[in-house]
Amino acid sequence: MKVKYSSESIDDLQRVVEFVENRNSYAARRIAIDLQEGVDRLKNFPQIGLPVLKATEPEQLRDLYIGDYTVRYLITDEVIYILRIWHGKENEKNL
């Protein structure tokens, strides 16, 4: 399967990395690598995230937890769309 990032998820990733980079550039690189490796696993195992139970189709909308971060994604027949990325201390409703 292919993975595609929404423009919002790209902005999210930049925001997360820049926030951490101001404090620790090594940690920011590590977070970026961990998130990318986690997303890459979805290509072979798209169902590894947990269904978003409040979604109308929870089997298609899922959350993948990578450390303290959540990657929300949508599974279609041929593409996995990365919708949003946030830290566990952020409120997803404010994204």
N, C-alpha and C. Protein backbone atom coordinates (compact mmCIF):
# COMPACT_ATOMS: atom_id res chain seq x y z
N MET A 1 0.83 -1.19 0.00
CA MET A 1 0.00 0.00 0.00
C MET A 1 0.87 1.25 0.00
N LYS A 2 0.32 2.30 -0.54
CA LYS A 2 1.00 3.59 -0.53
C LYS A 2 0.56 4.38 0.69
N VAL A 3 1.43 5.28 1.12
CA VAL A 3 1.11 6.19 2.22
C VAL A 3 1.20 7.61 1.67
N LYS A 4 0.17 8.39 1.96
CA LYS A 4 0.16 9.80 1.57
C LYS A 4 -0.15 10.64 2.79
N TYR A 5 0.53 11.77 2.88
CA TYR A 5 0.36 12.69 4.00
C TYR A 5 -0.54 13.85 3.60
N SER A 6 -1.49 14.18 4.46
CA SER A 6 -2.28 15.39 4.24
C SER A 6 -1.40 16.60 4.54
N SER A 7 -1.79 17.74 4.01
CA SER A 7 -1.01 18.96 4.29
C SER A 7 -1.03 19.26 5.79
N GLU A 8 -2.15 18.95 6.46
CA GLU A 8 -2.23 19.17 7.91
C GLU A 8 -1.24 18.28 8.67
N SER A 9 -1.09 17.05 8.22
CA SER A 9 -0.16 16.15 8.92
C SER A 9 1.29 16.58 8.72
N ILE A 10 1.59 17.13 7.56
CA ILE A 10 2.94 17.65 7.32
C ILE A 10 3.20 18.84 8.24
N ASP A 11 2.22 19.73 8.34
CA ASP A 11 2.33 20.86 9.26
C ASP A 11 2.49 20.38 10.70
N ASP A 12 1.71 19.34 11.07
CA ASP A 12 1.81 18.78 12.41
C ASP A 12 3.21 18.26 12.69
N LEU A 13 3.76 17.52 11.75
CA LEU A 13 5.10 16.95 11.92
C LEU A 13 6.14 18.06 12.08
N GLN A 14 6.04 19.08 11.27
CA GLN A 14 6.97 20.21 11.39
C GLN A 14 6.83 20.89 12.74
N ARG A 15 5.59 21.09 13.19
CA ARG A 15 5.34 21.74 14.48
C ARG A 15 5.95 20.93 15.63
N VAL A 16 5.73 19.63 15.60
CA VAL A 16 6.24 18.75 16.66
C VAL A 16 7.76 18.77 16.69
N VAL A 17 8.37 18.61 15.54
CA VAL A 17 9.84 18.56 15.48
C VAL A 17 10.44 19.91 15.87
N GLU A 18 9.89 21.01 15.37
CA GLU A 18 10.42 22.33 15.71
C GLU A 18 10.29 22.62 17.20
N PHE A 19 9.18 22.21 17.81
CA PHE A 19 8.99 22.43 19.24
C PHE A 19 10.09 21.73 20.04
N VAL A 20 10.35 20.48 19.72
CA VAL A 20 11.36 19.72 20.45
C VAL A 20 12.76 20.20 20.10
N GLU A 21 12.96 20.57 18.84
CA GLU A 21 14.29 21.00 18.38
C GLU A 21 14.80 22.20 19.15
N ASN A 22 13.91 23.07 19.58
CA ASN A 22 14.32 24.24 20.37
C ASN A 22 14.95 23.84 21.69
N ARG A 23 14.62 22.67 22.17
CA ARG A 23 15.15 22.20 23.45
C ARG A 23 16.28 21.17 23.28
N ASN A 24 16.13 20.30 22.24
CA ASN A 24 17.09 19.22 22.08
C ASN A 24 17.05 18.74 20.63
N SER A 25 18.05 19.10 19.85
CA SER A 25 18.04 18.77 18.43
C SER A 25 18.16 17.25 18.20
N TYR A 26 18.90 16.57 19.06
CA TYR A 26 19.01 15.11 18.92
C TYR A 26 17.64 14.45 19.12
N ALA A 27 16.92 14.88 20.16
CA ALA A 27 15.60 14.31 20.44
C ALA A 27 14.64 14.59 19.29
N ALA A 28 14.73 15.76 18.70
CA ALA A 28 13.86 16.10 17.57
C ALA A 28 14.11 15.17 16.39
N ARG A 29 15.37 14.90 16.10
CA ARG A 29 15.71 13.96 15.01
C ARG A 29 15.19 12.56 15.33
N ARG A 30 15.35 12.15 16.58
CA ARG A 30 14.89 10.82 16.99
C ARG A 30 13.37 10.70 16.85
N ILE A 31 12.64 11.72 17.24
CA ILE A 31 11.18 11.72 17.13
C ILE A 31 10.77 11.63 15.66
N ALA A 32 11.42 12.43 14.82
CA ALA A 32 11.09 12.41 13.39
C ALA A 32 11.34 11.02 12.80
N ILE A 33 12.45 10.39 13.17
CA ILE A 33 12.78 9.04 12.67
C ILE A 33 11.77 8.03 13.19
N ASP A 34 11.46 8.08 14.48
CA ASP A 34 10.50 7.14 15.06
C ASP A 34 9.13 7.24 14.40
N LEU A 35 8.68 8.47 14.17
CA LEU A 35 7.38 8.66 13.52
C LEU A 35 7.40 8.12 12.09
N GLN A 36 8.47 8.40 11.36
CA GLN A 36 8.57 7.91 9.99
C GLN A 36 8.62 6.38 9.94
N GLU A 37 9.38 5.77 10.83
CA GLU A 37 9.44 4.30 10.87
C GLU A 37 8.09 3.70 11.23
N GLY A 38 7.38 4.32 12.16
CA GLY A 38 6.06 3.84 12.53
C GLY A 38 5.08 3.91 11.37
N VAL A 39 5.09 5.03 10.67
CA VAL A 39 4.22 5.20 9.51
C VAL A 39 4.60 4.20 8.42
N ASP A 40 5.88 3.97 8.22
CA ASP A 40 6.32 3.00 7.20
C ASP A 40 5.79 1.59 7.48
N ARG A 41 5.64 1.23 8.75
CA ARG A 41 5.10 -0.09 9.10
C ARG A 41 3.66 -0.25 8.62
N LEU A 42 2.96 0.86 8.50
CA LEU A 42 1.56 0.80 8.03
C LEU A 42 1.45 0.24 6.62
N LYS A 43 2.49 0.40 5.82
CA LYS A 43 2.44 -0.12 4.45
C LYS A 43 2.19 -1.62 4.42
N ASN A 44 2.77 -2.33 5.36
CA ASN A 44 2.62 -3.78 5.43
C ASN A 44 1.56 -4.23 6.43
N PHE A 45 1.31 -3.39 7.42
CA PHE A 45 0.38 -3.76 8.49
C PHE A 45 -0.60 -2.60 8.75
N PRO A 46 -1.47 -2.30 7.81
CA PRO A 46 -2.34 -1.12 7.97
C PRO A 46 -3.31 -1.20 9.14
N GLN A 47 -3.57 -2.37 9.65
CA GLN A 47 -4.54 -2.53 10.74
C GLN A 47 -3.91 -2.42 12.13
N ILE A 48 -2.60 -2.09 12.23
CA ILE A 48 -1.96 -2.11 13.56
C ILE A 48 -2.45 -1.00 14.48
N GLY A 49 -2.99 0.08 13.92
CA GLY A 49 -3.52 1.14 14.77
C GLY A 49 -4.85 0.73 15.37
N LEU A 50 -5.24 1.43 16.40
CA LEU A 50 -6.52 1.16 17.05
C LEU A 50 -7.64 1.91 16.35
N PRO A 51 -8.80 1.27 16.17
CA PRO A 51 -9.94 1.95 15.55
C PRO A 51 -10.37 3.16 16.38
N VAL A 52 -10.77 4.23 15.69
CA VAL A 52 -11.32 5.41 16.36
C VAL A 52 -12.81 5.14 16.53
N LEU A 53 -13.19 4.74 17.72
CA LEU A 53 -14.54 4.26 17.96
C LEU A 53 -15.63 5.29 17.72
N LYS A 54 -15.30 6.57 17.87
CA LYS A 54 -16.30 7.61 17.64
C LYS A 54 -16.49 7.93 16.16
N ALA A 55 -15.69 7.32 15.29
CA ALA A 55 -15.80 7.55 13.85
C ALA A 55 -16.98 6.76 13.28
N THR A 56 -17.51 7.23 12.16
CA THR A 56 -18.62 6.51 11.53
C THR A 56 -18.18 5.16 10.99
N GLU A 57 -16.91 5.07 10.56
CA GLU A 57 -16.35 3.80 10.10
C GLU A 57 -15.03 3.54 10.82
N PRO A 58 -15.10 3.06 12.07
CA PRO A 58 -13.89 2.93 12.89
C PRO A 58 -12.85 1.97 12.33
N GLU A 59 -13.24 1.04 11.49
CA GLU A 59 -12.24 0.12 10.93
C GLU A 59 -11.34 0.82 9.91
N GLN A 60 -11.81 1.93 9.36
CA GLN A 60 -11.02 2.65 8.38
C GLN A 60 -10.24 3.80 9.00
N LEU A 61 -10.76 4.43 10.03
CA LEU A 61 -10.10 5.54 10.70
C LEU A 61 -9.44 5.00 11.97
N ARG A 62 -8.13 5.14 12.04
CA ARG A 62 -7.38 4.51 13.13
C ARG A 62 -6.35 5.45 13.72
N ASP A 63 -5.92 5.14 14.93
CA ASP A 63 -4.85 5.87 15.61
C ASP A 63 -3.69 4.91 15.86
N LEU A 64 -2.51 5.35 15.44
CA LEU A 64 -1.29 4.60 15.70
C LEU A 64 -0.52 5.38 16.76
N TYR A 65 -0.19 4.72 17.87
CA TYR A 65 0.54 5.37 18.95
C TYR A 65 2.02 5.03 18.82
N ILE A 66 2.82 6.08 18.72
CA ILE A 66 4.27 5.94 18.59
C ILE A 66 4.88 6.77 19.71
N GLY A 67 5.32 6.11 20.76
CA GLY A 67 5.81 6.84 21.92
C GLY A 67 4.68 7.69 22.49
N ASP A 68 4.95 8.98 22.65
CA ASP A 68 3.96 9.91 23.18
C ASP A 68 3.12 10.56 22.08
N TYR A 69 3.24 10.08 20.87
CA TYR A 69 2.59 10.70 19.72
C TYR A 69 1.49 9.82 19.14
N THR A 70 0.48 10.48 18.59
CA THR A 70 -0.62 9.79 17.93
C THR A 70 -0.61 10.17 16.46
N VAL A 71 -0.70 9.16 15.61
CA VAL A 71 -0.83 9.36 14.17
C VAL A 71 -2.22 8.87 13.78
N ARG A 72 -3.07 9.78 13.34
CA ARG A 72 -4.42 9.39 12.90
C ARG A 72 -4.36 9.19 11.39
N TYR A 73 -4.92 8.07 10.95
CA TYR A 73 -4.86 7.75 9.52
C TYR A 73 -6.13 7.09 9.04
N LEU A 74 -6.32 7.15 7.75
CA LEU A 74 -7.49 6.59 7.09
C LEU A 74 -7.03 5.52 6.10
N ILE A 75 -7.63 4.35 6.18
CA ILE A 75 -7.29 3.25 5.28
C ILE A 75 -8.31 3.20 4.15
N THR A 76 -7.82 3.22 2.91
CA THR A 76 -8.67 2.99 1.75
C THR A 76 -8.16 1.73 1.05
N ASP A 77 -8.75 1.39 -0.07
CA ASP A 77 -8.34 0.17 -0.76
C ASP A 77 -6.88 0.17 -1.20
N GLU A 78 -6.36 1.33 -1.61
CA GLU A 78 -5.01 1.37 -2.16
C GLU A 78 -4.06 2.32 -1.45
N VAL A 79 -4.61 3.22 -0.63
CA VAL A 79 -3.78 4.26 -0.01
C VAL A 79 -4.11 4.39 1.47
N ILE A 80 -3.08 4.65 2.25
CA ILE A 80 -3.25 5.02 3.65
C ILE A 80 -2.97 6.52 3.72
N TYR A 81 -3.94 7.27 4.19
CA TYR A 81 -3.80 8.72 4.30
C TYR A 81 -3.48 9.08 5.74
N ILE A 82 -2.33 9.71 5.95
CA ILE A 82 -1.97 10.21 7.27
C ILE A 82 -2.69 11.55 7.41
N LEU A 83 -3.60 11.63 8.38
CA LEU A 83 -4.44 12.81 8.52
C LEU A 83 -3.86 13.84 9.49
N ARG A 84 -3.46 13.39 10.68
CA ARG A 84 -2.95 14.30 11.70
C ARG A 84 -1.92 13.59 12.56
N ILE A 85 -1.06 14.38 13.20
CA ILE A 85 -0.05 13.87 14.13
C ILE A 85 -0.02 14.83 15.32
N TRP A 86 -0.08 14.29 16.54
CA TRP A 86 -0.02 15.17 17.70
C TRP A 86 0.61 14.45 18.88
N HIS A 87 1.11 15.25 19.82
CA HIS A 87 1.66 14.75 21.07
C HIS A 87 0.52 14.46 22.03
N GLY A 88 0.70 13.48 22.89
CA GLY A 88 -0.33 13.07 23.82
C GLY A 88 -0.80 14.18 24.76
N LYS A 89 0.03 15.19 25.01
CA LYS A 89 -0.37 16.29 25.88
C LYS A 89 -1.14 17.37 25.13
N GLU A 90 -1.18 17.27 23.81
CA GLU A 90 -1.97 18.21 23.02
C GLU A 90 -3.41 17.74 23.00
N ASN A 91 -4.31 18.65 22.84
CA ASN A 91 -5.73 18.30 22.72
C ASN A 91 -6.06 18.16 21.25
N GLU A 92 -6.45 16.97 20.81
CA GLU A 92 -6.73 16.73 19.39
C GLU A 92 -7.84 17.63 18.88
N LYS A 93 -8.73 18.09 19.73
CA LYS A 93 -9.81 18.96 19.28
C LYS A 93 -9.30 20.35 18.88
N ASN A 94 -8.13 20.72 19.37
CA ASN A 94 -7.57 22.03 19.03
C ASN A 94 -6.70 21.99 17.79
N LEU A 95 -6.53 20.84 17.20
CA LEU A 95 -5.70 20.73 16.00
C LEU A 95 -6.45 21.17 14.78
